[in-house]
Amino acid sequence: MGKKNRIYSKEFKQDAVNYYYSSGKSIKACASDLGISCRVD
C-alpha cells in the first residue's frame, strides 16, 4: 500500500516557511516539529 498524500492549506505552508526562517533550525528539525515529512520534490 502507498502512502496517502496530505493536502496542506496555503496558510499552513506559509506558516511552516516562516517557522523555518525564524527558528534557525534545519529543515529536518522543523519538519519533525511540525509533524510533516522533510522530503521536497
Protein backbone atom coordinates (compact mmCIF):
# COMPACT_ATOMS: atom_id res chain seq x y z
CA MET A 1 0.00 0.00 0.00
CA GLY A 2 1.18 3.50 -0.80
CA LYS A 3 1.10 6.46 1.49
CA LYS A 4 -1.74 8.93 1.09
CA ASN A 5 -0.60 12.44 0.18
CA ARG A 6 -1.74 15.12 2.55
CA ILE A 7 -3.10 18.42 1.32
CA TYR A 8 -1.90 21.46 3.26
CA SER A 9 -3.52 24.87 3.13
CA LYS A 10 -1.63 27.89 1.81
CA GLU A 11 -1.72 29.31 5.34
CA PHE A 12 -0.09 26.19 6.80
CA LYS A 13 2.60 26.22 4.12
CA GLN A 14 3.37 29.89 4.73
CA ASP A 15 3.43 29.37 8.50
CA ALA A 16 5.82 26.43 8.04
CA VAL A 17 8.18 28.56 5.92
CA ASN A 18 8.02 31.41 8.45
CA TYR A 19 8.73 28.94 11.25
CA TYR A 20 11.79 27.64 9.39
CA TYR A 21 13.22 31.11 8.78
CA SER A 22 12.58 32.36 12.31
CA SER A 23 13.66 29.23 14.21
CA GLY A 24 17.24 28.89 12.99
CA LYS A 25 16.72 25.12 12.86
CA SER A 26 17.37 22.76 9.97
CA ILE A 27 14.57 21.84 7.59
CA LYS A 28 14.60 18.31 9.01
CA ALA A 29 14.21 19.60 12.59
CA CYS A 30 11.39 21.97 11.59
CA ALA A 31 9.58 19.20 9.71
CA SER A 32 9.84 16.97 12.76
CA ASP A 33 8.50 19.76 15.00
CA LEU A 34 5.54 20.26 12.64
CA GLY A 35 4.90 16.52 12.24
CA ILE A 36 5.47 16.53 8.48
CA SER A 37 7.94 14.91 6.09
CA CYS A 38 11.04 16.89 5.14
CA ARG A 39 11.01 15.40 1.62
CA VAL A 40 10.99 18.09 -1.05
CA ASP A 41 10.10 17.35 -4.67
